[in-house]
Every structure is written in C-alpha cells, then in structure tokens.
Amino acid sequence: MPTAERRTHFDTISEARAHMKELIDAAMEGTPASMRRETARAAVVDASRLRATLATLPSLRPEAVAEAGGWSLFINGT
C-alpha cells in the first residue's frame, strides 16, 4: 500500500501513549502519524525528514540548534 494511503492515528492521548512505538515507527517510515487531544490534532514526524524538508525552503531559513542531546529547529520571525 502506498505511504499516502496508510496512516496511523489515535483519537486520544491515552491511546497514543499505549501505541507510542507504532506512532514513532510510522513517522520514521514517512507514514502520516497523528493523535488528537480534545479538538487539537498533533502530528508525529521524523526529525531528520522534517529538518531536510525545511532546509529546502530558503525563504524560511530554519536554524538548527543542538541542545539536550537532540536538535531543535527555529524559524525566525514566527
């Protein structure tokens, strides 16, 4: 099944927490992964893919900063 047709979604944070490995695996494979908390929906994405995608958008000029054993991306002006 093509990635665009697959997705991983959980309607509650409790459900997402119980399936955290599945969420992380989906994100690392490039499969859409999300969870909902009341009316808010959050996406789980592979950080390397996100960084690479943002780096191709020169108008955003994301700044990557190493911190706490990981990376944070900042977009100036937002």
PDB file of N, CA and C in Angstrom:
ATOM      1  N   MET A   1       0.850  -1.173   0.000  1.00  0.00           N
ATOM      2  CA  MET A   1       0.000   0.000   0.000  1.00  0.00           C
ATOM      3  C   MET A   1       0.901   1.243   0.000  1.00  0.00           C
ATOM      4  N   PRO A   2       0.677   2.196  -0.896  1.00  0.00           N
ATOM      5  CA  PRO A   2       1.490   3.407  -0.920  1.00  0.00           C
ATOM      6  C   PRO A   2       1.373   4.180   0.394  1.00  0.00           C
ATOM      7  N   THR A   3       2.476   4.870   0.760  1.00  0.00           N
ATOM      8  CA  THR A   3       2.504   5.622   2.013  1.00  0.00           C
ATOM      9  C   THR A   3       1.345   6.597   2.123  1.00  0.00           C
ATOM     10  N   ALA A   4       0.976   7.244   1.022  1.00  0.00           N
ATOM     11  CA  ALA A   4      -0.104   8.235   1.055  1.00  0.00           C
ATOM     12  C   ALA A   4      -1.430   7.617   1.494  1.00  0.00           C
ATOM     13  N   GLU A   5      -1.597   6.314   1.280  1.00  0.00           N
ATOM     14  CA  GLU A   5      -2.848   5.654   1.645  1.00  0.00           C
ATOM     15  C   GLU A   5      -2.824   5.123   3.073  1.00  0.00           C
ATOM     16  N   ARG A   6      -1.626   4.941   3.637  1.00  0.00           N
ATOM     17  CA  ARG A   6      -1.514   4.448   5.008  1.00  0.00           C
ATOM     18  C   ARG A   6      -1.474   5.632   5.957  1.00  0.00           C
ATOM     19  N   ARG A   7      -1.915   5.413   7.164  1.00  0.00           N
ATOM     20  CA  ARG A   7      -1.773   6.436   8.188  1.00  0.00           C
ATOM     21  C   ARG A   7      -1.948   5.783   9.549  1.00  0.00           C
ATOM     22  N   THR A   8      -1.392   6.428  10.544  1.00  0.00           N
ATOM     23  CA  THR A   8      -1.528   5.973  11.912  1.00  0.00           C
ATOM     24  C   THR A   8      -2.117   7.128  12.700  1.00  0.00           C
ATOM     25  N   HIS A   9      -3.277   6.923  13.294  1.00  0.00           N
ATOM     26  CA  HIS A   9      -3.928   7.991  14.054  1.00  0.00           C
ATOM     27  C   HIS A   9      -4.598   7.398  15.289  1.00  0.00           C
ATOM     28  N   PHE A  10      -4.496   8.137  16.389  1.00  0.00           N
ATOM     29  CA  PHE A  10      -5.163   7.747  17.622  1.00  0.00           C
ATOM     30  C   PHE A  10      -6.008   8.918  18.102  1.00  0.00           C
ATOM     31  N   ASP A  11      -7.235   8.626  18.508  1.00  0.00           N
ATOM     32  CA  ASP A  11      -8.185   9.671  18.886  1.00  0.00           C
ATOM     33  C   ASP A  11      -8.017  10.201  20.302  1.00  0.00           C
ATOM     34  N   THR A  12      -7.185   9.551  21.107  1.00  0.00           N
ATOM     35  CA  THR A  12      -6.927  10.058  22.457  1.00  0.00           C
ATOM     36  C   THR A  12      -5.438   9.961  22.758  1.00  0.00           C
ATOM     37  N   ILE A  13      -4.983  10.795  23.678  1.00  0.00           N
ATOM     38  CA  ILE A  13      -3.588  10.754  24.100  1.00  0.00           C
ATOM     39  C   ILE A  13      -3.298   9.428  24.801  1.00  0.00           C
ATOM     40  N   SER A  14      -4.240   8.932  25.580  1.00  0.00           N
ATOM     41  CA  SER A  14      -4.049   7.644  26.261  1.00  0.00           C
ATOM     42  C   SER A  14      -3.823   6.527  25.258  1.00  0.00           C
ATOM     43  N   GLU A  15      -4.623   6.532  24.203  1.00  0.00           N
ATOM     44  CA  GLU A  15      -4.485   5.521  23.158  1.00  0.00           C
ATOM     45  C   GLU A  15      -3.139   5.679  22.448  1.00  0.00           C
ATOM     46  N   ALA A  16      -2.749   6.918  22.159  1.00  0.00           N
ATOM     47  CA  ALA A  16      -1.458   7.173  21.505  1.00  0.00           C
ATOM     48  C   ALA A  16      -0.310   6.718  22.397  1.00  0.00           C
ATOM     49  N   ARG A  17      -0.400   7.003  23.681  1.00  0.00           N
ATOM     50  CA  ARG A  17       0.641   6.606  24.627  1.00  0.00           C
ATOM     51  C   ARG A  17       0.802   5.087  24.639  1.00  0.00           C
ATOM     52  N   ALA A  18      -0.302   4.377  24.589  1.00  0.00           N
ATOM     53  CA  ALA A  18      -0.261   2.911  24.596  1.00  0.00           C
ATOM     54  C   ALA A  18       0.332   2.348  23.308  1.00  0.00           C
ATOM     55  N   HIS A  19       0.351   3.153  22.241  1.00  0.00           N
ATOM     56  CA  HIS A  19       0.855   2.716  20.939  1.00  0.00           C
ATOM     57  C   HIS A  19       2.009   3.603  20.464  1.00  0.00           C
ATOM     58  N   MET A  20       2.803   4.109  21.405  1.00  0.00           N
ATOM     59  CA  MET A  20       3.875   5.043  21.062  1.00  0.00           C
ATOM     60  C   MET A  20       4.855   4.447  20.054  1.00  0.00           C
ATOM     61  N   LYS A  21       5.225   3.190  20.209  1.00  0.00           N
ATOM     62  CA  LYS A  21       6.156   2.563  19.268  1.00  0.00           C
ATOM     63  C   LYS A  21       5.591   2.598  17.854  1.00  0.00           C
ATOM     64  N   GLU A  22       4.312   2.307  17.715  1.00  0.00           N
ATOM     65  CA  GLU A  22       3.659   2.330  16.406  1.00  0.00           C
ATOM     66  C   GLU A  22       3.678   3.741  15.802  1.00  0.00           C
ATOM     67  N   LEU A  23       3.435   4.753  16.630  1.00  0.00           N
ATOM     68  CA  LEU A  23       3.483   6.144  16.157  1.00  0.00           C
ATOM     69  C   LEU A  23       4.883   6.510  15.668  1.00  0.00           C
ATOM     70  N   ILE A  24       5.893   6.181  16.473  1.00  0.00           N
ATOM     71  CA  ILE A  24       7.278   6.513  16.108  1.00  0.00           C
ATOM     72  C   ILE A  24       7.697   5.748  14.863  1.00  0.00           C
ATOM     73  N   ASP A  25       7.387   4.468  14.797  1.00  0.00           N
ATOM     74  CA  ASP A  25       7.737   3.670  13.613  1.00  0.00           C
ATOM     75  C   ASP A  25       7.094   4.248  12.359  1.00  0.00           C
ATOM     76  N   ALA A  26       5.832   4.628  12.443  1.00  0.00           N
ATOM     77  CA  ALA A  26       5.136   5.201  11.284  1.00  0.00           C
ATOM     78  C   ALA A  26       5.818   6.488  10.839  1.00  0.00           C
ATOM     79  N   ALA A  27       6.125   7.359  11.781  1.00  0.00           N
ATOM     80  CA  ALA A  27       6.778   8.626  11.438  1.00  0.00           C
ATOM     81  C   ALA A  27       8.128   8.383  10.772  1.00  0.00           C
ATOM     82  N   MET A  28       8.896   7.446  11.287  1.00  0.00           N
ATOM     83  CA  MET A  28      10.220   7.168  10.719  1.00  0.00           C
ATOM     84  C   MET A  28      10.130   6.556   9.327  1.00  0.00           C
ATOM     85  N   GLU A  29       9.015   5.891   9.027  1.00  0.00           N
ATOM     86  CA  GLU A  29       8.805   5.321   7.692  1.00  0.00           C
ATOM     87  C   GLU A  29       8.238   6.351   6.721  1.00  0.00           C
ATOM     88  N   GLY A  30       7.886   7.532   7.224  1.00  0.00           N
ATOM     89  CA  GLY A  30       7.292   8.559   6.369  1.00  0.00           C
ATOM     90  C   GLY A  30       5.788   8.442   6.243  1.00  0.00           C
ATOM     91  N   THR A  31       5.187   7.601   7.062  1.00  0.00           N
ATOM     92  CA  THR A  31       3.738   7.428   7.071  1.00  0.00           C
ATOM     93  C   THR A  31       3.111   8.500   7.959  1.00  0.00           C
ATOM     94  N   PRO A  32       2.040   9.153   7.528  1.00  0.00           N
ATOM     95  CA  PRO A  32       1.397  10.144   8.386  1.00  0.00           C
ATOM     96  C   PRO A  32       1.015   9.533   9.735  1.00  0.00           C
ATOM     97  N   ALA A  33       1.400  10.216  10.807  1.00  0.00           N
ATOM     98  CA  ALA A  33       1.117   9.737  12.157  1.00  0.00           C
ATOM     99  C   ALA A  33       0.586  10.903  12.977  1.00  0.00           C
ATOM    100  N   SER A  34      -0.534  10.690  13.645  1.00  0.00           N
ATOM    101  CA  SER A  34      -1.125  11.792  14.406  1.00  0.00           C
ATOM    102  C   SER A  34      -1.906  11.273  15.598  1.00  0.00           C
ATOM    103  N   MET A  35      -2.230  12.220  16.473  1.00  0.00           N
ATOM    104  CA  MET A  35      -3.051  11.925  17.643  1.00  0.00           C
ATOM    105  C   MET A  35      -3.918  13.133  17.913  1.00  0.00           C
ATOM    106  N   ARG A  36      -4.985  12.923  18.662  1.00  0.00           N
ATOM    107  CA  ARG A  36      -5.905  14.016  18.966  1.00  0.00           C
ATOM    108  C   ARG A  36      -6.016  14.167  20.479  1.00  0.00           C
ATOM    109  N   ARG A  37      -6.142  15.404  20.902  1.00  0.00           N
ATOM    110  CA  ARG A  37      -6.442  15.714  22.300  1.00  0.00           C
ATOM    111  C   ARG A  37      -7.575  16.722  22.273  1.00  0.00           C
ATOM    112  N   GLU A  38      -8.751  16.251  22.606  1.00  0.00           N
ATOM    113  CA  GLU A  38      -9.975  17.047  22.506  1.00  0.00           C
ATOM    114  C   GLU A  38     -10.122  17.535  21.065  1.00  0.00           C
ATOM    115  N   THR A  39     -10.054  18.834  20.807  1.00  0.00           N
ATOM    116  CA  THR A  39     -10.221  19.322  19.433  1.00  0.00           C
ATOM    117  C   THR A  39      -8.891  19.569  18.724  1.00  0.00           C
ATOM    118  N   ALA A  40      -7.777  19.434  19.438  1.00  0.00           N
ATOM    119  CA  ALA A  40      -6.458  19.665  18.837  1.00  0.00           C
ATOM    120  C   ALA A  40      -5.907  18.368  18.260  1.00  0.00           C
ATOM    121  N   ARG A  41      -5.251  18.475  17.121  1.00  0.00           N
ATOM    122  CA  ARG A  41      -4.629  17.315  16.489  1.00  0.00           C
ATOM    123  C   ARG A  41      -3.140  17.598  16.371  1.00  0.00           C
ATOM    124  N   ALA A  42      -2.306  16.631  16.725  1.00  0.00           N
ATOM    125  CA  ALA A  42      -0.853  16.783  16.675  1.00  0.00           C
ATOM    126  C   ALA A  42      -0.259  15.735  15.750  1.00  0.00           C
ATOM    127  N   ALA A  43       0.783  16.126  15.039  1.00  0.00           N
ATOM    128  CA  ALA A  43       1.463  15.210  14.123  1.00  0.00           C
ATOM    129  C   ALA A  43       2.772  14.742  14.739  1.00  0.00           C
ATOM    130  N   VAL A  44       3.139  13.516  14.434  1.00  0.00           N
ATOM    131  CA  VAL A  44       4.432  12.967  14.828  1.00  0.00           C
ATOM    132  C   VAL A  44       5.222  12.800  13.539  1.00  0.00           C
ATOM    133  N   VAL A  45       6.386  13.430  13.477  1.00  0.00           N
ATOM    134  CA  VAL A  45       7.196  13.375  12.261  1.00  0.00           C
ATOM    135  C   VAL A  45       8.621  12.970  12.596  1.00  0.00           C
ATOM    136  N   ASP A  46       9.285  12.356  11.632  1.00  0.00           N
ATOM    137  CA  ASP A  46      10.691  12.011  11.770  1.00  0.00           C
ATOM    138  C   ASP A  46      11.501  13.305  11.698  1.00  0.00           C
ATOM    139  N   ALA A  47      12.296  13.584  12.718  1.00  0.00           N
ATOM    140  CA  ALA A  47      13.036  14.847  12.802  1.00  0.00           C
ATOM    141  C   ALA A  47      13.988  15.041  11.631  1.00  0.00           C
ATOM    142  N   SER A  48      14.636  13.984  11.171  1.00  0.00           N
ATOM    143  CA  SER A  48      15.571  14.113  10.041  1.00  0.00           C
ATOM    144  C   SER A  48      14.842  14.518   8.770  1.00  0.00           C
ATOM    145  N   ARG A  49      13.683  13.920   8.535  1.00  0.00           N
ATOM    146  CA  ARG A  49      12.889  14.292   7.352  1.00  0.00           C
ATOM    147  C   ARG A  49      12.403  15.731   7.451  1.00  0.00           C
ATOM    148  N   LEU A  50      11.954  16.126   8.625  1.00  0.00           N
ATOM    149  CA  LEU A  50      11.477  17.495   8.811  1.00  0.00           C
ATOM    150  C   LEU A  50      12.608  18.490   8.580  1.00  0.00           C
ATOM    151  N   ARG A  51      13.757  18.219   9.167  1.00  0.00           N
ATOM    152  CA  ARG A  51      14.902  19.118   9.007  1.00  0.00           C
ATOM    153  C   ARG A  51      15.298  19.231   7.548  1.00  0.00           C
ATOM    154  N   ALA A  52      15.368  18.100   6.840  1.00  0.00           N
ATOM    155  CA  ALA A  52      15.744  18.107   5.423  1.00  0.00           C
ATOM    156  C   ALA A  52      14.726  18.886   4.592  1.00  0.00           C
ATOM    157  N   THR A  53      13.452  18.710   4.886  1.00  0.00           N
ATOM    158  CA  THR A  53      12.410  19.426   4.147  1.00  0.00           C
ATOM    159  C   THR A  53      12.482  20.925   4.412  1.00  0.00           C
ATOM    160  N   LEU A  54      12.613  21.306   5.667  1.00  0.00           N
ATOM    161  CA  LEU A  54      12.701  22.730   5.997  1.00  0.00           C
ATOM    162  C   LEU A  54      13.942  23.376   5.396  1.00  0.00           C
ATOM    163  N   ALA A  55      15.023  22.615   5.307  1.00  0.00           N
ATOM    164  CA  ALA A  55      16.267  23.156   4.750  1.00  0.00           C
ATOM    165  C   ALA A  55      16.135  23.475   3.268  1.00  0.00           C
ATOM    166  N   THR A  56      15.172  22.869   2.581  1.00  0.00           N
ATOM    167  CA  THR A  56      14.981  23.146   1.150  1.00  0.00           C
ATOM    168  C   THR A  56      14.126  24.384   0.919  1.00  0.00           C
ATOM    169  N   LEU A  57      13.612  24.972   1.978  1.00  0.00           N
ATOM    170  CA  LEU A  57      12.763  26.156   1.870  1.00  0.00           C
ATOM    171  C   LEU A  57      13.564  27.381   2.306  1.00  0.00           C
ATOM    172  N   PRO A  58      14.328  27.968   1.387  1.00  0.00           N
ATOM    173  CA  PRO A  58      15.223  29.066   1.776  1.00  0.00           C
ATOM    174  C   PRO A  58      14.506  30.284   2.338  1.00  0.00           C
ATOM    175  N   SER A  59      13.259  30.500   1.971  1.00  0.00           N
ATOM    176  CA  SER A  59      12.551  31.669   2.490  1.00  0.00           C
ATOM    177  C   SER A  59      12.292  31.550   3.992  1.00  0.00           C
ATOM    178  N   LEU A  60      12.243  30.315   4.514  1.00  0.00           N
ATOM    179  CA  LEU A  60      12.032  30.129   5.943  1.00  0.00           C
ATOM    180  C   LEU A  60      13.330  30.249   6.732  1.00  0.00           C
ATOM    181  N   ARG A  61      14.423  29.820   6.155  1.00  0.00           N
ATOM    182  CA  ARG A  61      15.742  29.826   6.797  1.00  0.00           C
ATOM    183  C   ARG A  61      15.694  29.250   8.216  1.00  0.00           C
ATOM    184  N   PRO A  62      15.360  27.984   8.345  1.00  0.00           N
ATOM    185  CA  PRO A  62      15.326  27.391   9.684  1.00  0.00           C
ATOM    186  C   PRO A  62      16.727  27.341  10.279  1.00  0.00           C
ATOM    187  N   GLU A  63      16.811  27.505  11.581  1.00  0.00           N
ATOM    188  CA  GLU A  63      18.083  27.440  12.288  1.00  0.00           C
ATOM    189  C   GLU A  63      18.048  26.212  13.185  1.00  0.00           C
ATOM    190  N   ALA A  64      19.002  25.300  12.989  1.00  0.00           N
ATOM    191  CA  ALA A  64      19.082  24.085  13.799  1.00  0.00           C
ATOM    192  C   ALA A  64      20.045  24.332  14.956  1.00  0.00           C
ATOM    193  N   VAL A  65      19.619  23.982  16.157  1.00  0.00           N
ATOM    194  CA  VAL A  65      20.424  24.182  17.352  1.00  0.00           C
ATOM    195  C   VAL A  65      20.491  22.868  18.117  1.00  0.00           C
ATOM    196  N   ALA A  66      21.725  22.427  18.411  1.00  0.00           N
ATOM    197  CA  ALA A  66      21.899  21.214  19.210  1.00  0.00           C
ATOM    198  C   ALA A  66      21.658  21.564  20.676  1.00  0.00           C
ATOM    199  N   GLU A  67      20.781  20.792  21.329  1.00  0.00           N
ATOM    200  CA  GLU A  67      20.513  21.035  22.747  1.00  0.00           C
ATOM    201  C   GLU A  67      19.944  19.792  23.400  1.00  0.00           C
ATOM    202  N   ALA A  68      20.323  19.579  24.634  1.00  0.00           N
ATOM    203  CA  ALA A  68      19.790  18.478  25.450  1.00  0.00           C
ATOM    204  C   ALA A  68      19.894  17.127  24.751  1.00  0.00           C
ATOM    205  N   GLY A  69      20.999  16.909  24.049  1.00  0.00           N
ATOM    206  CA  GLY A  69      21.209  15.631  23.379  1.00  0.00           C
ATOM    207  C   GLY A  69      20.404  15.444  22.113  1.00  0.00           C
ATOM    208  N   GLY A  70      19.766  16.490  21.617  1.00  0.00           N
ATOM    209  CA  GLY A  70      18.972  16.401  20.387  1.00  0.00           C
ATOM    210  C   GLY A  70      19.085  17.686  19.599  1.00  0.00           C
ATOM    211  N   TRP A  71      18.146  17.897  18.719  1.00  0.00           N
ATOM    212  CA  TRP A  71      18.136  19.087  17.872  1.00  0.00           C
ATOM    213  C   TRP A  71      16.802  19.795  17.988  1.00  0.00           C
ATOM    214  N   SER A  72      16.856  21.124  17.939  1.00  0.00           N
ATOM    215  CA  SER A  72      15.648  21.948  17.869  1.00  0.00           C
ATOM    216  C   SER A  72      15.758  22.811  16.635  1.00  0.00           C
ATOM    217  N   LEU A  73      14.650  23.003  15.943  1.00  0.00           N
ATOM    218  CA  LEU A  73      14.620  23.874  14.770  1.00  0.00           C
ATOM    219  C   LEU A  73      13.807  25.113  15.095  1.00  0.00           C
ATOM    220  N   PHE A  74      14.362  26.252  14.725  1.00  0.00           N
ATOM    221  CA  PHE A  74      13.682  27.524  14.936  1.00  0.00           C
ATOM    222  C   PHE A  74      13.514  28.210  13.599  1.00  0.00           C
ATOM    223  N   ILE A  75      12.380  28.829  13.404  1.00  0.00           N
ATOM    224  CA  ILE A  75      12.124  29.604  12.194  1.00  0.00           C
ATOM    225  C   ILE A  75      11.966  31.050  12.640  1.00  0.00           C
ATOM    226  N   ASN A  76      12.938  31.876  12.275  1.00  0.00           N
ATOM    227  CA  ASN A  76      12.922  33.277  12.687  1.00  0.00           C
ATOM    228  C   ASN A  76      11.681  33.987  12.172  1.00  0.00           C
ATOM    229  N   GLY A  77      11.159  34.880  12.991  1.00  0.00           N
ATOM    230  CA  GLY A  77      10.012  35.679  12.594  1.00  0.00           C
ATOM    231  C   GLY A  77       8.671  35.011  12.812  1.00  0.00           C
ATOM    232  N   THR A  78       8.664  33.833  13.415  1.00  0.00           N
ATOM    233  CA  THR A  78       7.381  33.165  13.654  1.00  0.00           C
ATOM    234  C   THR A  78       7.114  33.042  15.128  1.00  0.00           C
TER     235      THR A  78
END
